[in-house]
């Protein structure tokens, strides 16, 4: 399984992905699911991938090949992020169709992508591109997108991530979201890939890899766990609770007659 997320705040973009790929419980490999395409001062694209590994690798290879061959369109010639999403969706659909015609079994070649980036003179944007080639934009109320095993890491994003959240706290929130998923799903795991892009910088951004024993990642997880316990202890008390002792009446056990 996979977990990838992308956050779009006023200060820039945060992208985070795990690196574990499972082809059965006894066949676990590590592949990067974050890919970037950068022309300094001109445009920046980042791609997160989830789904069939053969499809995602073929799509990334095609994106790079079109640039090298100066094919039109390619990521260097598209005029907008939306046009880039259209182009990505077209390639993904073509690759899936090609794999399906060669397959004699019932293999699922579907893949889902998050495309995020900025073209000079335009705003940062991001899109989730579905296997069928269509796509959606993130909402203004919840400026983040997720693919893969999304349920464990979503609650903190719902509560914390807004447009006005600063870039560094948004990145820490992404890591907590990832940590929650890793703890709850064994098919999602390190190394964790974090990419932080500052709006209008049009550079490769700051990319950080966190291994399983990384001191910063471990400290972040420990602090989050401690904070949750402190928050639990500070929650309002029930009206029948006291600082000393719960009354005997509150602890009374009622035994119902048999057959009632």
C-alpha atoms as a PDB file:
ATOM      1  CA  UNK A   1       0.000   0.000   0.000  1.00  0.00           C
ATOM      2  CA  UNK A   2       0.972   3.653  -0.229  1.00  0.00           C
ATOM      3  CA  UNK A   3       0.372   6.932   1.519  1.00  0.00           C
ATOM      4  CA  UNK A   4       1.093  10.246  -0.181  1.00  0.00           C
ATOM      5  CA  UNK A   5      -0.154  13.725   0.667  1.00  0.00           C
ATOM      6  CA  UNK A   6       0.272  17.229  -0.682  1.00  0.00           C
ATOM      7  CA  UNK A   7      -0.506  20.514   1.081  1.00  0.00           C
ATOM      8  CA  UNK A   8      -0.978  23.898  -0.594  1.00  0.00           C
ATOM      9  CA  UNK A   9      -0.740  26.853   1.816  1.00  0.00           C
ATOM     10  CA  UNK A  10      -0.135  30.541   1.209  1.00  0.00           C
ATOM     11  CA  UNK A  11       3.619  30.168   1.721  1.00  0.00           C
ATOM     12  CA  UNK A  12       4.073  27.206  -0.617  1.00  0.00           C
ATOM     13  CA  UNK A  13       3.740  23.455  -1.036  1.00  0.00           C
ATOM     14  CA  UNK A  14       4.488  20.446   1.141  1.00  0.00           C
ATOM     15  CA  UNK A  15       4.621  16.937  -0.324  1.00  0.00           C
ATOM     16  CA  UNK A  16       5.174  13.775   1.673  1.00  0.00           C
ATOM     17  CA  UNK A  17       5.268  10.096   0.704  1.00  0.00           C
ATOM     18  CA  UNK A  18       6.325   6.751   2.068  1.00  0.00           C
ATOM     19  CA  UNK A  19       8.593   4.464   0.048  1.00  0.00           C
ATOM     20  CA  UNK A  20       7.240   0.988   0.711  1.00  0.00           C
ATOM     21  CA  UNK A  21       5.899  -1.109  -2.161  1.00  0.00           C
ATOM     22  CA  UNK A  22       4.197  -4.413  -1.457  1.00  0.00           C
ATOM     23  CA  UNK A  23       3.657  -7.220  -3.924  1.00  0.00           C
ATOM     24  CA  UNK A  24       2.399  -9.582  -1.250  1.00  0.00           C
ATOM     25  CA  UNK A  25       3.261  -9.916   2.414  1.00  0.00           C
ATOM     26  CA  UNK A  26       6.613 -11.568   1.692  1.00  0.00           C
ATOM     27  CA  UNK A  27       7.706  -9.240  -1.115  1.00  0.00           C
ATOM     28  CA  UNK A  28       8.381  -5.752   0.203  1.00  0.00           C
ATOM     29  CA  UNK A  29      10.549  -3.299  -1.739  1.00  0.00           C
ATOM     30  CA  UNK A  30      11.484   0.367  -1.478  1.00  0.00           C
ATOM     31  CA  UNK A  31      10.821   2.794  -4.328  1.00  0.00           C
ATOM     32  CA  UNK A  32      10.566   6.567  -4.270  1.00  0.00           C
ATOM     33  CA  UNK A  33       7.033   7.822  -4.920  1.00  0.00           C
ATOM     34  CA  UNK A  34       8.061  11.489  -5.155  1.00  0.00           C
ATOM     35  CA  UNK A  35       9.375  12.801  -8.477  1.00  0.00           C
ATOM     36  CA  UNK A  36      10.316  16.386  -9.285  1.00  0.00           C
ATOM     37  CA  UNK A  37      10.846  18.311 -12.515  1.00  0.00           C
ATOM     38  CA  UNK A  38      12.525  21.698 -12.148  1.00  0.00           C
ATOM     39  CA  UNK A  39      13.625  24.492 -14.450  1.00  0.00           C
ATOM     40  CA  UNK A  40      15.070  27.062 -12.022  1.00  0.00           C
ATOM     41  CA  UNK A  41      13.429  30.450 -12.387  1.00  0.00           C
ATOM     42  CA  UNK A  42      10.840  29.060 -14.827  1.00  0.00           C
ATOM     43  CA  UNK A  43       8.756  26.241 -13.372  1.00  0.00           C
ATOM     44  CA  UNK A  44       8.588  23.580 -10.706  1.00  0.00           C
ATOM     45  CA  UNK A  45       6.576  20.342 -10.749  1.00  0.00           C
ATOM     46  CA  UNK A  46       6.349  17.555  -8.179  1.00  0.00           C
ATOM     47  CA  UNK A  47       4.591  14.263  -8.740  1.00  0.00           C
ATOM     48  CA  UNK A  48       3.352  11.792  -6.118  1.00  0.00           C
ATOM     49  CA  UNK A  49       2.313   8.335  -7.285  1.00  0.00           C
ATOM     50  CA  UNK A  50       0.214   5.475  -5.943  1.00  0.00           C
ATOM     51  CA  UNK A  51      -0.952   2.276  -7.588  1.00  0.00           C
ATOM     52  CA  UNK A  52       0.612  -0.201  -9.981  1.00  0.00           C
ATOM     53  CA  UNK A  53       4.387   0.225  -9.924  1.00  0.00           C
ATOM     54  CA  UNK A  54       4.846  -0.668 -13.594  1.00  0.00           C
ATOM     55  CA  UNK A  55       2.373   2.054 -14.542  1.00  0.00           C
ATOM     56  CA  UNK A  56       3.859   4.745 -12.321  1.00  0.00           C
ATOM     57  CA  UNK A  57       7.393   4.027 -13.509  1.00  0.00           C
ATOM     58  CA  UNK A  58       6.317   4.041 -17.163  1.00  0.00           C
ATOM     59  CA  UNK A  59       4.491   7.357 -16.690  1.00  0.00           C
ATOM     60  CA  UNK A  60       7.534   9.009 -15.093  1.00  0.00           C
ATOM     61  CA  UNK A  61       9.774   7.618 -17.850  1.00  0.00           C
ATOM     62  CA  UNK A  62       7.415   8.999 -20.494  1.00  0.00           C
ATOM     63  CA  UNK A  63       7.351  12.441 -18.856  1.00  0.00           C
ATOM     64  CA  UNK A  64      11.149  12.588 -18.878  1.00  0.00           C
ATOM     65  CA  UNK A  65      11.355  11.132 -22.385  1.00  0.00           C
ATOM     66  CA  UNK A  66       8.992  13.723 -23.852  1.00  0.00           C
ATOM     67  CA  UNK A  67      11.133  16.503 -22.391  1.00  0.00           C
ATOM     68  CA  UNK A  68      14.340  15.011 -23.810  1.00  0.00           C
ATOM     69  CA  UNK A  69      12.739  14.480 -27.237  1.00  0.00           C
ATOM     70  CA  UNK A  70      11.136  17.963 -27.201  1.00  0.00           C
ATOM     71  CA  UNK A  71       7.746  16.410 -27.815  1.00  0.00           C
ATOM     72  CA  UNK A  72       4.686  18.642 -27.671  1.00  0.00           C
ATOM     73  CA  UNK A  73       3.219  18.889 -25.157  1.00  0.00           C
ATOM     74  CA  UNK A  74       5.651  18.237 -22.357  1.00  0.00           C
ATOM     75  CA  UNK A  75       6.118  19.663 -18.866  1.00  0.00           C
ATOM     76  CA  UNK A  76       8.349  22.423 -20.208  1.00  0.00           C
ATOM     77  CA  UNK A  77       5.835  23.596 -22.821  1.00  0.00           C
ATOM     78  CA  UNK A  78       2.500  23.410 -20.989  1.00  0.00           C
ATOM     79  CA  UNK A  79       1.054  26.866 -20.349  1.00  0.00           C
ATOM     80  CA  UNK A  80      -0.651  26.150 -17.015  1.00  0.00           C
ATOM     81  CA  UNK A  81      -0.881  23.640 -14.192  1.00  0.00           C
ATOM     82  CA  UNK A  82      -4.279  22.551 -15.496  1.00  0.00           C
ATOM     83  CA  UNK A  83      -2.755  21.842 -18.893  1.00  0.00           C
ATOM     84  CA  UNK A  84      -0.051  19.839 -17.131  1.00  0.00           C
ATOM     85  CA  UNK A  85      -2.741  17.801 -15.345  1.00  0.00           C
ATOM     86  CA  UNK A  86      -4.458  17.123 -18.687  1.00  0.00           C
ATOM     87  CA  UNK A  87      -1.165  15.982 -20.167  1.00  0.00           C
ATOM     88  CA  UNK A  88      -0.389  13.720 -17.195  1.00  0.00           C
ATOM     89  CA  UNK A  89      -3.867  12.185 -17.323  1.00  0.00           C
ATOM     90  CA  UNK A  90      -3.477  11.447 -21.028  1.00  0.00           C
ATOM     91  CA  UNK A  91      -0.123   9.697 -20.519  1.00  0.00           C
ATOM     92  CA  UNK A  92      -1.401   7.683 -17.556  1.00  0.00           C
ATOM     93  CA  UNK A  93      -4.437   6.458 -19.521  1.00  0.00           C
ATOM     94  CA  UNK A  94      -2.274   5.497 -22.505  1.00  0.00           C
ATOM     95  CA  UNK A  95       0.195   3.565 -20.338  1.00  0.00           C
ATOM     96  CA  UNK A  96      -2.572   1.651 -18.555  1.00  0.00           C
ATOM     97  CA  UNK A  97      -4.194   0.744 -21.865  1.00  0.00           C
ATOM     98  CA  UNK A  98      -0.884  -0.485 -23.269  1.00  0.00           C
ATOM     99  CA  UNK A  99      -0.174  -2.661 -20.223  1.00  0.00           C
ATOM    100  CA  UNK A 100      -3.704  -4.096 -20.306  1.00  0.00           C
ATOM    101  CA  UNK A 101      -3.399  -5.197 -23.952  1.00  0.00           C
ATOM    102  CA  UNK A 102      -0.228  -7.136 -23.091  1.00  0.00           C
ATOM    103  CA  UNK A 103      -1.604  -8.772 -19.953  1.00  0.00           C
ATOM    104  CA  UNK A 104      -3.157 -12.211 -20.145  1.00  0.00           C
ATOM    105  CA  UNK A 105      -4.342 -12.202 -16.549  1.00  0.00           C
ATOM    106  CA  UNK A 106      -6.506  -9.879 -14.519  1.00  0.00           C
ATOM    107  CA  UNK A 107      -3.814  -7.485 -13.327  1.00  0.00           C
ATOM    108  CA  UNK A 108      -4.919  -4.083 -12.121  1.00  0.00           C
ATOM    109  CA  UNK A 109      -2.709  -1.482 -13.815  1.00  0.00           C
ATOM    110  CA  UNK A 110      -4.459   1.567 -12.341  1.00  0.00           C
ATOM    111  CA  UNK A 111      -2.435   4.419 -10.852  1.00  0.00           C
ATOM    112  CA  UNK A 112      -3.349   7.688  -9.177  1.00  0.00           C
ATOM    113  CA  UNK A 113      -1.162  10.787  -9.050  1.00  0.00           C
ATOM    114  CA  UNK A 114      -0.932  14.117  -7.278  1.00  0.00           C
ATOM    115  CA  UNK A 115       0.627  16.808  -9.444  1.00  0.00           C
ATOM    116  CA  UNK A 116       1.724  19.978  -7.654  1.00  0.00           C
ATOM    117  CA  UNK A 117       3.814  22.906  -8.766  1.00  0.00           C
ATOM    118  CA  UNK A 118       4.131  26.430 -10.058  1.00  0.00           C
ATOM    119  CA  UNK A 119       4.838  28.106 -13.381  1.00  0.00           C
ATOM    120  CA  UNK A 120       6.468  31.544 -13.326  1.00  0.00           C
ATOM    121  CA  UNK A 121       3.877  34.302 -12.979  1.00  0.00           C
ATOM    122  CA  UNK A 122       1.166  31.890 -11.818  1.00  0.00           C
ATOM    123  CA  UNK A 123      -0.034  30.558  -8.459  1.00  0.00           C
ATOM    124  CA  UNK A 124       0.965  27.297  -6.863  1.00  0.00           C
ATOM    125  CA  UNK A 125      -1.601  24.616  -7.693  1.00  0.00           C
ATOM    126  CA  UNK A 126      -2.127  20.918  -7.258  1.00  0.00           C
ATOM    127  CA  UNK A 127      -4.379  18.277  -8.789  1.00  0.00           C
ATOM    128  CA  UNK A 128      -5.282  14.673  -8.070  1.00  0.00           C
ATOM    129  CA  UNK A 129      -5.238  12.761 -11.347  1.00  0.00           C
ATOM    130  CA  UNK A 130      -7.379   9.626 -11.345  1.00  0.00           C
ATOM    131  CA  UNK A 131      -6.650   6.412 -13.309  1.00  0.00           C
ATOM    132  CA  UNK A 132      -9.231   7.426 -15.924  1.00  0.00           C
ATOM    133  CA  UNK A 133      -7.243  10.600 -16.653  1.00  0.00           C
ATOM    134  CA  UNK A 134      -9.664  13.082 -15.094  1.00  0.00           C
ATOM    135  CA  UNK A 135      -8.643  15.165 -12.093  1.00  0.00           C
ATOM    136  CA  UNK A 136      -9.767  17.369  -9.212  1.00  0.00           C
ATOM    137  CA  UNK A 137      -8.367  20.450  -7.479  1.00  0.00           C
ATOM    138  CA  UNK A 138      -8.035  20.677  -3.695  1.00  0.00           C
ATOM    139  CA  UNK A 139     -10.810  22.568  -1.894  1.00  0.00           C
ATOM    140  CA  UNK A 140     -10.335  26.010  -0.354  1.00  0.00           C
ATOM    141  CA  UNK A 141     -11.586  24.733   3.023  1.00  0.00           C
ATOM    142  CA  UNK A 142      -9.215  21.756   3.044  1.00  0.00           C
ATOM    143  CA  UNK A 143      -6.138  22.656   0.968  1.00  0.00           C
ATOM    144  CA  UNK A 144      -4.628  19.197   0.844  1.00  0.00           C
ATOM    145  CA  UNK A 145      -4.859  16.045  -1.259  1.00  0.00           C
ATOM    146  CA  UNK A 146      -4.168  12.420  -0.310  1.00  0.00           C
ATOM    147  CA  UNK A 147      -3.764   9.165  -2.216  1.00  0.00           C
ATOM    148  CA  UNK A 148      -3.343   5.611  -1.021  1.00  0.00           C
ATOM    149  CA  UNK A 149      -4.039   4.695   2.605  1.00  0.00           C
ATOM    150  CA  UNK A 150      -5.617   8.022   3.554  1.00  0.00           C
ATOM    151  CA  UNK A 151      -7.872   7.334   6.548  1.00  0.00           C
ATOM    152  CA  UNK A 152      -5.331   7.236   9.378  1.00  0.00           C
ATOM    153  CA  UNK A 153      -3.578  10.496   8.491  1.00  0.00           C
ATOM    154  CA  UNK A 154      -6.631  12.538   7.527  1.00  0.00           C
ATOM    155  CA  UNK A 155      -7.991  13.653  10.948  1.00  0.00           C
ATOM    156  CA  UNK A 156      -5.034  15.883  11.814  1.00  0.00           C
ATOM    157  CA  UNK A 157      -5.053  17.426   8.333  1.00  0.00           C
ATOM    158  CA  UNK A 158      -8.768  18.210   8.663  1.00  0.00           C
ATOM    159  CA  UNK A 159      -8.205  19.944  11.994  1.00  0.00           C
ATOM    160  CA  UNK A 160      -4.948  21.779  11.328  1.00  0.00           C
ATOM    161  CA  UNK A 161      -4.341  22.539   7.653  1.00  0.00           C
ATOM    162  CA  UNK A 162      -5.723  25.864   6.438  1.00  0.00           C
ATOM    163  CA  UNK A 163      -4.391  28.255   3.805  1.00  0.00           C
ATOM    164  CA  UNK A 164      -2.820  30.557   6.408  1.00  0.00           C
ATOM    165  CA  UNK A 165      -0.794  27.853   8.178  1.00  0.00           C
ATOM    166  CA  UNK A 166       2.925  28.594   7.852  1.00  0.00           C
ATOM    167  CA  UNK A 167       5.057  26.336   5.686  1.00  0.00           C
ATOM    168  CA  UNK A 168       7.206  24.749   8.424  1.00  0.00           C
ATOM    169  CA  UNK A 169       4.243  23.827  10.700  1.00  0.00           C
ATOM    170  CA  UNK A 170       2.449  22.432   7.626  1.00  0.00           C
ATOM    171  CA  UNK A 171       5.483  20.222   6.965  1.00  0.00           C
ATOM    172  CA  UNK A 172       5.496  18.986  10.565  1.00  0.00           C
ATOM    173  CA  UNK A 173       1.773  18.277  10.282  1.00  0.00           C
ATOM    174  CA  UNK A 174       2.451  16.229   7.153  1.00  0.00           C
ATOM    175  CA  UNK A 175       5.019  14.151   9.049  1.00  0.00           C
ATOM    176  CA  UNK A 176       2.587  13.567  11.925  1.00  0.00           C
ATOM    177  CA  UNK A 177      -0.054  12.483   9.402  1.00  0.00           C
ATOM    178  CA  UNK A 178       2.463  10.078   7.890  1.00  0.00           C
ATOM    179  CA  UNK A 179       3.532   8.808  11.316  1.00  0.00           C
ATOM    180  CA  UNK A 180      -0.084   8.059  12.248  1.00  0.00           C
ATOM    181  CA  UNK A 181      -0.465   6.038   9.052  1.00  0.00           C
ATOM    182  CA  UNK A 182       2.794   4.129   9.504  1.00  0.00           C
ATOM    183  CA  UNK A 183       1.802   3.171  13.066  1.00  0.00           C
ATOM    184  CA  UNK A 184      -1.621   1.911  11.952  1.00  0.00           C
ATOM    185  CA  UNK A 185      -0.795   0.194   8.658  1.00  0.00           C
ATOM    186  CA  UNK A 186       2.185  -2.106   8.233  1.00  0.00           C
ATOM    187  CA  UNK A 187       2.096  -1.781   4.439  1.00  0.00           C
ATOM    188  CA  UNK A 188       3.080   1.898   4.702  1.00  0.00           C
ATOM    189  CA  UNK A 189       6.616   2.523   5.859  1.00  0.00           C
ATOM    190  CA  UNK A 190       9.883   4.435   5.712  1.00  0.00           C
ATOM    191  CA  UNK A 191      11.970   5.877   4.240  1.00  0.00           C
ATOM    192  CA  UNK A 192       9.722   8.944   4.311  1.00  0.00           C
ATOM    193  CA  UNK A 193      10.239  11.518   1.573  1.00  0.00           C
ATOM    194  CA  UNK A 194       9.428  15.156   2.431  1.00  0.00           C
ATOM    195  CA  UNK A 195       9.560  17.989  -0.111  1.00  0.00           C
ATOM    196  CA  UNK A 196       9.042  21.631   0.910  1.00  0.00           C
ATOM    197  CA  UNK A 197       8.639  24.237  -1.820  1.00  0.00           C
ATOM    198  CA  UNK A 198       8.487  27.971  -1.067  1.00  0.00           C
ATOM    199  CA  UNK A 199       6.014  29.872  -3.228  1.00  0.00           C
ATOM    200  CA  UNK A 200       7.581  31.870  -6.090  1.00  0.00           C
ATOM    201  CA  UNK A 201      11.061  30.431  -5.441  1.00  0.00           C
ATOM    202  CA  UNK A 202      10.931  28.337  -8.643  1.00  0.00           C
ATOM    203  CA  UNK A 203      13.692  26.108  -7.308  1.00  0.00           C
ATOM    204  CA  UNK A 204      13.911  22.424  -6.411  1.00  0.00           C
ATOM    205  CA  UNK A 205      12.902  23.232  -2.850  1.00  0.00           C
ATOM    206  CA  UNK A 206      14.084  21.449   0.269  1.00  0.00           C
ATOM    207  CA  UNK A 207      13.941  17.649   0.135  1.00  0.00           C
ATOM    208  CA  UNK A 208      14.496  15.503   3.233  1.00  0.00           C
ATOM    209  CA  UNK A 209      14.594  11.719   3.661  1.00  0.00           C
ATOM    210  CA  UNK A 210      13.715  10.146   6.998  1.00  0.00           C
ATOM    211  CA  UNK A 211      14.816   6.581   7.677  1.00  0.00           C
ATOM    212  CA  UNK A 212      13.208   4.416  10.335  1.00  0.00           C
ATOM    213  CA  UNK A 213      15.851   5.333  12.933  1.00  0.00           C
ATOM    214  CA  UNK A 214      16.092   9.047  12.053  1.00  0.00           C
ATOM    215  CA  UNK A 215      16.497  11.061  15.315  1.00  0.00           C
ATOM    216  CA  UNK A 216      14.288  13.946  14.171  1.00  0.00           C
ATOM    217  CA  UNK A 217      11.478  11.645  13.039  1.00  0.00           C
ATOM    218  CA  UNK A 218      11.671   9.686  16.295  1.00  0.00           C
ATOM    219  CA  UNK A 219      11.608  12.856  18.400  1.00  0.00           C
ATOM    220  CA  UNK A 220       8.666  14.245  16.433  1.00  0.00           C
ATOM    221  CA  UNK A 221       6.701  11.013  16.993  1.00  0.00           C
ATOM    222  CA  UNK A 222       7.512  10.991  20.709  1.00  0.00           C
ATOM    223  CA  UNK A 223       6.504  14.639  21.157  1.00  0.00           C
ATOM    224  CA  UNK A 224       3.242  14.023  19.322  1.00  0.00           C
ATOM    225  CA  UNK A 225       2.446  11.023  21.521  1.00  0.00           C
ATOM    226  CA  UNK A 226       3.238  13.038  24.659  1.00  0.00           C
ATOM    227  CA  UNK A 227       1.055  15.900  23.432  1.00  0.00           C
ATOM    228  CA  UNK A 228      -1.867  13.548  22.824  1.00  0.00           C
ATOM    229  CA  UNK A 229      -1.604  12.177  26.347  1.00  0.00           C
ATOM    230  CA  UNK A 230      -1.467  15.690  27.801  1.00  0.00           C
ATOM    231  CA  UNK A 231      -4.478  16.717  25.726  1.00  0.00           C
ATOM    232  CA  UNK A 232      -6.382  13.643  26.950  1.00  0.00           C
ATOM    233  CA  UNK A 233      -5.624  14.491  30.573  1.00  0.00           C
ATOM    234  CA  UNK A 234      -6.768  18.107  30.078  1.00  0.00           C
ATOM    235  CA  UNK A 235     -10.175  17.215  28.623  1.00  0.00           C
ATOM    236  CA  UNK A 236     -13.247  18.310  30.627  1.00  0.00           C
ATOM    237  CA  UNK A 237     -14.294  15.924  33.407  1.00  0.00           C
ATOM    238  CA  UNK A 238     -17.667  14.219  33.634  1.00  0.00           C
ATOM    239  CA  UNK A 239     -19.979  15.792  36.179  1.00  0.00           C
ATOM    240  CA  UNK A 240     -19.750  12.680  38.349  1.00  0.00           C
ATOM    241  CA  UNK A 241     -15.946  12.827  38.617  1.00  0.00           C
ATOM    242  CA  UNK A 242     -14.088  14.366  41.568  1.00  0.00           C
ATOM    243  CA  UNK A 243     -10.469  14.920  42.396  1.00  0.00           C
ATOM    244  CA  UNK A 244     -10.564  12.523  45.327  1.00  0.00           C
ATOM    245  CA  UNK A 245     -12.768   9.567  44.682  1.00  0.00           C
ATOM    246  CA  UNK A 246     -15.714   8.558  42.534  1.00  0.00           C
ATOM    247  CA  UNK A 247     -18.748   8.156  44.758  1.00  0.00           C
ATOM    248  CA  UNK A 248     -19.911   4.719  45.723  1.00  0.00           C
ATOM    249  CA  UNK A 249     -23.224   5.422  44.007  1.00  0.00           C
ATOM    250  CA  UNK A 250     -21.437   6.033  40.707  1.00  0.00           C
ATOM    251  CA  UNK A 251     -19.573   2.755  41.095  1.00  0.00           C
ATOM    252  CA  UNK A 252     -22.642   0.757  42.133  1.00  0.00           C
ATOM    253  CA  UNK A 253     -23.105  -2.514  40.261  1.00  0.00           C
ATOM    254  CA  UNK A 254     -26.674  -3.625  39.581  1.00  0.00           C
ATOM    255  CA  UNK A 255     -27.309  -7.356  39.261  1.00  0.00           C
ATOM    256  CA  UNK A 256     -30.375  -8.208  37.193  1.00  0.00           C
ATOM    257  CA  UNK A 257     -32.375 -11.339  38.001  1.00  0.00           C
ATOM    258  CA  UNK A 258     -31.767 -14.247  35.659  1.00  0.00           C
ATOM    259  CA  UNK A 259     -34.303 -14.442  32.875  1.00  0.00           C
ATOM    260  CA  UNK A 260     -35.176 -10.730  33.046  1.00  0.00           C
END
